[in-house]
Amino acid sequence: MEERKAEIRKKLAVLGQDLVNDILEHAVIKAIPAGKEILKEGEFIRYIPIVHEGLIKVFTRTHDKELLLYYIQPAESCIMSFSSALRNEPGRVAAFTEQASVLVLLPVERLGFWLQAYPSFNLLFYEQFNLRYTELIHTINQLLYDKLDKRLMEYLQEKRDLSGKKIISLSHREIAQELGTAREVISRIVKKLEKENRVRQLNEGIEILQ
């Protein structure tokens, strides 16, 4: 644990030693396997995650469909849960561990003190806001202007870049949920991309050729 705390200190050093010490004193450091829900839409926020290792997927649900919003990578946090916690409102997003992850869980009852006592804590979430705002604008532009085959290709390429794997082990149904469409539509587009030699459908998943 001390070795892990030393790694966290190094990653969060930009916040200043005093704040990092206080975070490590009050936060919960937790290893979570892949595929676990860490934030539930509609529930009040108890902890705000900072990713130390791994990858978190944040999305919203509408009826029976999901829409991927963004990923949280190491040294990043979830601005949506931060906003809900400050307003003492139920969370508006859900989050799952995309990969096995180690999280630094910040208790929401400590937020007010950190925001007042440490200006660098504000900067952490201003940076997160700017990052997520840019990503959300990109997502909106995709939904409004991009054809689904382009969205799917960019989605697969992002999955490849984040995971470091050329084969994406997801079913067409899972991809459809994240892109907010139907499985049949994804299957049709994958076949189109195969004919264009951009992907290859394998038993273990979709191999990205570009």
C-alpha atoms as a PDB file:
ATOM      1  CA  MET A   1       0.000   0.000   0.000  1.00  0.00           C
ATOM      2  CA  GLU A   2       2.827   2.426   0.792  1.00  0.00           C
ATOM      3  CA  GLU A   3       4.305   1.821  -2.652  1.00  0.00           C
ATOM      4  CA  ARG A   4       0.928   2.549  -4.241  1.00  0.00           C
ATOM      5  CA  LYS A   5       0.545   5.721  -2.176  1.00  0.00           C
ATOM      6  CA  ALA A   6       3.967   6.848  -3.369  1.00  0.00           C
ATOM      7  CA  GLU A   7       2.837   6.354  -6.971  1.00  0.00           C
ATOM      8  CA  ILE A   8      -0.336   8.361  -6.299  1.00  0.00           C
ATOM      9  CA  ARG A   9       1.709  11.155  -4.721  1.00  0.00           C
ATOM     10  CA  LYS A  10       3.816  11.311  -7.860  1.00  0.00           C
ATOM     11  CA  LYS A  11       0.825  11.414 -10.228  1.00  0.00           C
ATOM     12  CA  LEU A  12      -0.993  14.063  -8.191  1.00  0.00           C
ATOM     13  CA  ALA A  13       2.107  16.108  -7.331  1.00  0.00           C
ATOM     14  CA  VAL A  14       0.795  19.081  -9.323  1.00  0.00           C
ATOM     15  CA  LEU A  15      -1.863  19.553  -6.608  1.00  0.00           C
ATOM     16  CA  GLY A  16       0.760  20.276  -3.948  1.00  0.00           C
ATOM     17  CA  GLN A  17       2.107  18.129  -1.129  1.00  0.00           C
ATOM     18  CA  ASP A  18      -0.303  19.338   1.575  1.00  0.00           C
ATOM     19  CA  LEU A  19      -3.422  18.620  -0.468  1.00  0.00           C
ATOM     20  CA  VAL A  20      -2.144  15.226  -1.622  1.00  0.00           C
ATOM     21  CA  ASN A  21      -1.374  14.311   2.005  1.00  0.00           C
ATOM     22  CA  ASP A  22      -4.903  15.276   3.028  1.00  0.00           C
ATOM     23  CA  ILE A  23      -6.411  13.322   0.110  1.00  0.00           C
ATOM     24  CA  LEU A  24      -4.472  10.197   1.031  1.00  0.00           C
ATOM     25  CA  GLU A  25      -5.528  10.581   4.664  1.00  0.00           C
ATOM     26  CA  HIS A  26      -9.256  10.674   3.883  1.00  0.00           C
ATOM     27  CA  ALA A  27      -9.686   8.937   0.513  1.00  0.00           C
ATOM     28  CA  VAL A  28     -10.353   5.245  -0.059  1.00  0.00           C
ATOM     29  CA  ILE A  29      -7.910   3.505  -2.398  1.00  0.00           C
ATOM     30  CA  LYS A  30      -9.648   0.556  -4.008  1.00  0.00           C
ATOM     31  CA  ALA A  31      -8.793  -2.024  -6.666  1.00  0.00           C
ATOM     32  CA  ILE A  32     -11.863  -2.864  -8.769  1.00  0.00           C
ATOM     33  CA  PRO A  33     -12.088  -5.574 -11.457  1.00  0.00           C
ATOM     34  CA  ALA A  34     -13.260  -4.851 -14.988  1.00  0.00           C
ATOM     35  CA  GLY A  35     -16.984  -4.596 -15.665  1.00  0.00           C
ATOM     36  CA  LYS A  36     -18.067  -3.289 -12.250  1.00  0.00           C
ATOM     37  CA  GLU A  37     -20.487  -0.411 -11.855  1.00  0.00           C
ATOM     38  CA  ILE A  38     -18.993   2.346  -9.695  1.00  0.00           C
ATOM     39  CA  LEU A  39     -21.559   5.117 -10.279  1.00  0.00           C
ATOM     40  CA  LYS A  40     -25.292   4.554 -10.650  1.00  0.00           C
ATOM     41  CA  GLU A  41     -27.493   6.978 -12.520  1.00  0.00           C
ATOM     42  CA  GLY A  42     -30.115   8.465 -10.190  1.00  0.00           C
ATOM     43  CA  GLU A  43     -28.260   7.746  -6.940  1.00  0.00           C
ATOM     44  CA  PHE A  44     -26.569  10.293  -4.712  1.00  0.00           C
ATOM     45  CA  ILE A  45     -22.793  10.488  -4.993  1.00  0.00           C
ATOM     46  CA  ARG A  46     -20.772   9.290  -1.997  1.00  0.00           C
ATOM     47  CA  TYR A  47     -17.325   9.248  -3.573  1.00  0.00           C
ATOM     48  CA  ILE A  48     -15.735  10.973  -6.562  1.00  0.00           C
ATOM     49  CA  PRO A  49     -13.212   8.746  -8.345  1.00  0.00           C
ATOM     50  CA  ILE A  50      -9.749   9.699  -9.497  1.00  0.00           C
ATOM     51  CA  VAL A  51      -8.292   6.948 -11.668  1.00  0.00           C
ATOM     52  CA  HIS A  52      -4.848   5.793 -10.588  1.00  0.00           C
ATOM     53  CA  GLU A  53      -4.685   2.768 -12.884  1.00  0.00           C
ATOM     54  CA  GLY A  54      -7.085   1.410 -15.492  1.00  0.00           C
ATOM     55  CA  LEU A  55      -9.980   2.943 -17.404  1.00  0.00           C
ATOM     56  CA  ILE A  56     -13.525   4.039 -16.539  1.00  0.00           C
ATOM     57  CA  LYS A  57     -16.405   4.305 -19.014  1.00  0.00           C
ATOM     58  CA  VAL A  58     -19.011   7.018 -18.338  1.00  0.00           C
ATOM     59  CA  PHE A  59     -22.359   6.931 -20.129  1.00  0.00           C
ATOM     60  CA  THR A  60     -25.999   7.934 -19.866  1.00  0.00           C
ATOM     61  CA  ARG A  61     -29.103   5.837 -20.440  1.00  0.00           C
ATOM     62  CA  THR A  62     -32.287   6.810 -22.268  1.00  0.00           C
ATOM     63  CA  HIS A  63     -35.023   4.207 -22.065  1.00  0.00           C
ATOM     64  CA  ASP A  64     -33.268   0.981 -23.100  1.00  0.00           C
ATOM     65  CA  LYS A  65     -30.352   2.653 -24.907  1.00  0.00           C
ATOM     66  CA  GLU A  66     -26.974   3.848 -23.694  1.00  0.00           C
ATOM     67  CA  LEU A  67     -24.816   6.685 -25.001  1.00  0.00           C
ATOM     68  CA  LEU A  68     -21.096   6.692 -24.310  1.00  0.00           C
ATOM     69  CA  LEU A  69     -20.005  10.116 -23.006  1.00  0.00           C
ATOM     70  CA  TYR A  70     -16.303   9.761 -22.245  1.00  0.00           C
ATOM     71  CA  TYR A  71     -13.566   7.651 -20.688  1.00  0.00           C
ATOM     72  CA  ILE A  72     -11.664   8.504 -17.510  1.00  0.00           C
ATOM     73  CA  GLN A  73      -7.972   7.674 -17.777  1.00  0.00           C
ATOM     74  CA  PRO A  74      -5.220   7.713 -15.092  1.00  0.00           C
ATOM     75  CA  ALA A  75      -4.897  11.000 -13.157  1.00  0.00           C
ATOM     76  CA  GLU A  76      -8.366  12.048 -14.391  1.00  0.00           C
ATOM     77  CA  SER A  77     -11.703  12.264 -12.600  1.00  0.00           C
ATOM     78  CA  CYS A  78     -15.434  12.454 -13.358  1.00  0.00           C
ATOM     79  CA  ILE A  79     -16.669  16.031 -13.678  1.00  0.00           C
ATOM     80  CA  MET A  80     -20.312  14.907 -13.835  1.00  0.00           C
ATOM     81  CA  SER A  81     -20.155  13.192 -10.435  1.00  0.00           C
ATOM     82  CA  PHE A  82     -18.256  16.205  -9.058  1.00  0.00           C
ATOM     83  CA  SER A  83     -21.024  18.549 -10.241  1.00  0.00           C
ATOM     84  CA  SER A  84     -23.784  16.351  -8.779  1.00  0.00           C
ATOM     85  CA  ALA A  85     -21.960  16.067  -5.459  1.00  0.00           C
ATOM     86  CA  LEU A  86     -21.511  19.842  -5.146  1.00  0.00           C
ATOM     87  CA  ARG A  87     -25.219  20.388  -5.810  1.00  0.00           C
ATOM     88  CA  ASN A  88     -26.208  17.443  -3.592  1.00  0.00           C
ATOM     89  CA  GLU A  89     -28.210  16.050  -6.489  1.00  0.00           C
ATOM     90  CA  PRO A  90     -28.611  12.479  -7.739  1.00  0.00           C
ATOM     91  CA  GLY A  91     -26.002  11.437 -10.289  1.00  0.00           C
ATOM     92  CA  ARG A  92     -26.934  11.924 -13.930  1.00  0.00           C
ATOM     93  CA  VAL A  93     -24.517   9.376 -15.379  1.00  0.00           C
ATOM     94  CA  ALA A  94     -23.439   5.795 -14.827  1.00  0.00           C
ATOM     95  CA  ALA A  95     -19.856   4.557 -14.811  1.00  0.00           C
ATOM     96  CA  PHE A  96     -18.263   1.133 -15.175  1.00  0.00           C
ATOM     97  CA  THR A  97     -14.684  -0.057 -15.011  1.00  0.00           C
ATOM     98  CA  GLU A  98     -13.706  -0.710 -18.626  1.00  0.00           C
ATOM     99  CA  GLN A  99     -10.497  -2.336 -17.381  1.00  0.00           C
ATOM    100  CA  ALA A 100      -9.345  -3.570 -13.987  1.00  0.00           C
ATOM    101  CA  SER A 101      -8.699  -0.306 -12.157  1.00  0.00           C
ATOM    102  CA  VAL A 102      -7.266   1.231  -9.012  1.00  0.00           C
ATOM    103  CA  LEU A 103      -9.297   4.240  -7.894  1.00  0.00           C
ATOM    104  CA  VAL A 104      -8.717   6.998  -5.381  1.00  0.00           C
ATOM    105  CA  LEU A 105     -12.228   7.602  -4.025  1.00  0.00           C
ATOM    106  CA  LEU A 106     -12.714  11.116  -2.639  1.00  0.00           C
ATOM    107  CA  PRO A 107     -15.450  11.374   0.041  1.00  0.00           C
ATOM    108  CA  VAL A 108     -17.932  14.083  -0.956  1.00  0.00           C
ATOM    109  CA  GLU A 109     -18.190  15.431   2.598  1.00  0.00           C
ATOM    110  CA  ARG A 110     -14.574  16.572   2.269  1.00  0.00           C
ATOM    111  CA  LEU A 111     -15.099  18.530  -0.961  1.00  0.00           C
ATOM    112  CA  GLY A 112     -16.129  21.821   0.603  1.00  0.00           C
ATOM    113  CA  PHE A 113     -13.028  21.971   2.773  1.00  0.00           C
ATOM    114  CA  TRP A 114     -10.667  21.053  -0.070  1.00  0.00           C
ATOM    115  CA  LEU A 115     -12.213  23.635  -2.395  1.00  0.00           C
ATOM    116  CA  GLN A 116     -11.779  26.415   0.172  1.00  0.00           C
ATOM    117  CA  ALA A 117      -8.413  25.410   1.598  1.00  0.00           C
ATOM    118  CA  TYR A 118      -6.582  24.393  -1.576  1.00  0.00           C
ATOM    119  CA  PRO A 119      -6.932  26.471  -4.781  1.00  0.00           C
ATOM    120  CA  SER A 120      -5.140  23.713  -6.717  1.00  0.00           C
ATOM    121  CA  PHE A 121      -8.108  21.422  -6.049  1.00  0.00           C
ATOM    122  CA  ASN A 122     -10.277  23.836  -8.033  1.00  0.00           C
ATOM    123  CA  LEU A 123      -7.785  23.730 -10.902  1.00  0.00           C
ATOM    124  CA  LEU A 124      -8.011  19.930 -11.026  1.00  0.00           C
ATOM    125  CA  PHE A 125     -11.726  20.079 -11.801  1.00  0.00           C
ATOM    126  CA  TYR A 126     -11.527  23.132 -14.049  1.00  0.00           C
ATOM    127  CA  GLU A 127      -9.141  21.116 -16.203  1.00  0.00           C
ATOM    128  CA  GLN A 128     -11.511  18.148 -16.106  1.00  0.00           C
ATOM    129  CA  PHE A 129     -14.396  20.394 -17.114  1.00  0.00           C
ATOM    130  CA  ASN A 130     -12.482  21.742 -20.109  1.00  0.00           C
ATOM    131  CA  LEU A 131     -11.477  18.240 -21.167  1.00  0.00           C
ATOM    132  CA  ARG A 132     -14.979  16.781 -20.882  1.00  0.00           C
ATOM    133  CA  TYR A 133     -16.600  19.816 -22.484  1.00  0.00           C
ATOM    134  CA  THR A 134     -14.378  19.378 -25.534  1.00  0.00           C
ATOM    135  CA  GLU A 135     -15.189  15.657 -25.683  1.00  0.00           C
ATOM    136  CA  LEU A 136     -18.928  16.236 -25.313  1.00  0.00           C
ATOM    137  CA  ILE A 137     -18.918  18.854 -28.091  1.00  0.00           C
ATOM    138  CA  HIS A 138     -17.147  16.293 -30.284  1.00  0.00           C
ATOM    139  CA  THR A 139     -19.796  13.681 -29.401  1.00  0.00           C
ATOM    140  CA  ILE A 140     -22.632  16.101 -30.215  1.00  0.00           C
ATOM    141  CA  ASN A 141     -21.033  16.997 -33.544  1.00  0.00           C
ATOM    142  CA  GLN A 142     -20.702  13.297 -34.355  1.00  0.00           C
ATOM    143  CA  LEU A 143     -24.368  12.704 -33.573  1.00  0.00           C
ATOM    144  CA  LEU A 144     -25.499  15.674 -35.634  1.00  0.00           C
ATOM    145  CA  TYR A 145     -23.199  15.585 -38.622  1.00  0.00           C
ATOM    146  CA  ASP A 146     -21.247  12.331 -38.942  1.00  0.00           C
ATOM    147  CA  LYS A 147     -22.512   9.201 -40.602  1.00  0.00           C
ATOM    148  CA  LEU A 148     -22.660   6.172 -38.360  1.00  0.00           C
ATOM    149  CA  ASP A 149     -19.906   4.333 -40.241  1.00  0.00           C
ATOM    150  CA  LYS A 150     -17.488   7.171 -39.403  1.00  0.00           C
ATOM    151  CA  ARG A 151     -18.637   7.198 -35.767  1.00  0.00           C
ATOM    152  CA  LEU A 152     -18.182   3.442 -35.534  1.00  0.00           C
ATOM    153  CA  MET A 153     -14.697   3.553 -37.021  1.00  0.00           C
ATOM    154  CA  GLU A 154     -13.619   6.340 -34.661  1.00  0.00           C
ATOM    155  CA  TYR A 155     -15.148   4.427 -31.749  1.00  0.00           C
ATOM    156  CA  LEU A 156     -13.198   1.267 -32.626  1.00  0.00           C
ATOM    157  CA  GLN A 157      -9.981   3.233 -33.122  1.00  0.00           C
ATOM    158  CA  GLU A 158     -10.402   4.898 -29.730  1.00  0.00           C
ATOM    159  CA  LYS A 159     -11.001   1.503 -28.117  1.00  0.00           C
ATOM    160  CA  ARG A 160      -7.814   0.244 -29.767  1.00  0.00           C
ATOM    161  CA  ASP A 161      -5.780   3.233 -28.607  1.00  0.00           C
ATOM    162  CA  LEU A 162      -7.055   3.011 -25.025  1.00  0.00           C
ATOM    163  CA  SER A 163      -6.636  -0.747 -24.692  1.00  0.00           C
ATOM    164  CA  GLY A 164      -3.497  -1.182 -26.813  1.00  0.00           C
ATOM    165  CA  LYS A 165      -5.168  -4.096 -28.597  1.00  0.00           C
ATOM    166  CA  LYS A 166      -5.934  -4.406 -32.314  1.00  0.00           C
ATOM    167  CA  ILE A 167      -8.848  -6.785 -31.695  1.00  0.00           C
ATOM    168  CA  ILE A 168     -11.835  -5.294 -29.874  1.00  0.00           C
ATOM    169  CA  SER A 169     -13.648  -8.034 -27.969  1.00  0.00           C
ATOM    170  CA  LEU A 170     -17.139  -6.589 -27.975  1.00  0.00           C
ATOM    171  CA  SER A 171     -20.346  -7.935 -29.467  1.00  0.00           C
ATOM    172  CA  HIS A 172     -22.322  -5.941 -32.006  1.00  0.00           C
ATOM    173  CA  ARG A 173     -25.038  -5.531 -29.372  1.00  0.00           C
ATOM    174  CA  GLU A 174     -22.609  -4.015 -26.867  1.00  0.00           C
ATOM    175  CA  ILE A 175     -21.256  -1.605 -29.482  1.00  0.00           C
ATOM    176  CA  ALA A 176     -24.796  -0.631 -30.480  1.00  0.00           C
ATOM    177  CA  GLN A 177     -25.653   0.177 -26.863  1.00  0.00           C
ATOM    178  CA  GLU A 178     -22.669   2.476 -26.487  1.00  0.00           C
ATOM    179  CA  LEU A 179     -23.375   4.277 -29.759  1.00  0.00           C
ATOM    180  CA  GLY A 180     -27.098   4.558 -29.125  1.00  0.00           C
ATOM    181  CA  THR A 181     -28.281   2.520 -32.103  1.00  0.00           C
ATOM    182  CA  ALA A 182     -29.516  -0.974 -33.001  1.00  0.00           C
ATOM    183  CA  ARG A 183     -27.467  -4.165 -33.240  1.00  0.00           C
ATOM    184  CA  GLU A 184     -28.638  -4.789 -36.798  1.00  0.00           C
ATOM    185  CA  VAL A 185     -27.308  -1.391 -37.849  1.00  0.00           C
ATOM    186  CA  ILE A 186     -23.883  -2.115 -36.366  1.00  0.00           C
ATOM    187  CA  SER A 187     -23.748  -5.536 -38.035  1.00  0.00           C
ATOM    188  CA  ARG A 188     -24.550  -3.969 -41.411  1.00  0.00           C
ATOM    189  CA  ILE A 189     -21.865  -1.278 -41.006  1.00  0.00           C
ATOM    190  CA  VAL A 190     -19.230  -3.795 -39.865  1.00  0.00           C
ATOM    191  CA  LYS A 191     -19.856  -5.761 -43.059  1.00  0.00           C
ATOM    192  CA  LYS A 192     -19.447  -2.555 -45.066  1.00  0.00           C
ATOM    193  CA  LEU A 193     -16.168  -1.751 -43.287  1.00  0.00           C
ATOM    194  CA  GLU A 194     -14.979  -5.312 -43.950  1.00  0.00           C
ATOM    195  CA  LYS A 195     -15.554  -4.870 -47.670  1.00  0.00           C
ATOM    196  CA  GLU A 196     -13.494  -1.669 -47.485  1.00  0.00           C
ATOM    197  CA  ASN A 197     -10.676  -3.613 -45.746  1.00  0.00           C
ATOM    198  CA  ARG A 198     -10.845  -1.360 -42.705  1.00  0.00           C
ATOM    199  CA  VAL A 199     -11.829  -4.049 -40.188  1.00  0.00           C
ATOM    200  CA  ARG A 200     -12.038  -7.831 -40.026  1.00  0.00           C
ATOM    201  CA  GLN A 201     -14.725  -9.723 -38.105  1.00  0.00           C
ATOM    202  CA  LEU A 202     -13.209 -12.600 -36.103  1.00  0.00           C
ATOM    203  CA  ASN A 203     -14.628 -15.050 -33.583  1.00  0.00           C
ATOM    204  CA  GLU A 204     -12.857 -13.217 -30.757  1.00  0.00           C
ATOM    205  CA  GLY A 205     -13.944  -9.746 -31.864  1.00  0.00           C
ATOM    206  CA  ILE A 206     -13.328  -7.037 -34.453  1.00  0.00           C
ATOM    207  CA  GLU A 207      -9.787  -6.552 -35.731  1.00  0.00           C
ATOM    208  CA  ILE A 208      -8.948  -2.998 -36.755  1.00  0.00           C
ATOM    209  CA  LEU A 209      -6.866  -2.839 -39.949  1.00  0.00           C
ATOM    210  CA  GLN A 210      -6.483   0.949 -40.138  1.00  0.00           C
END
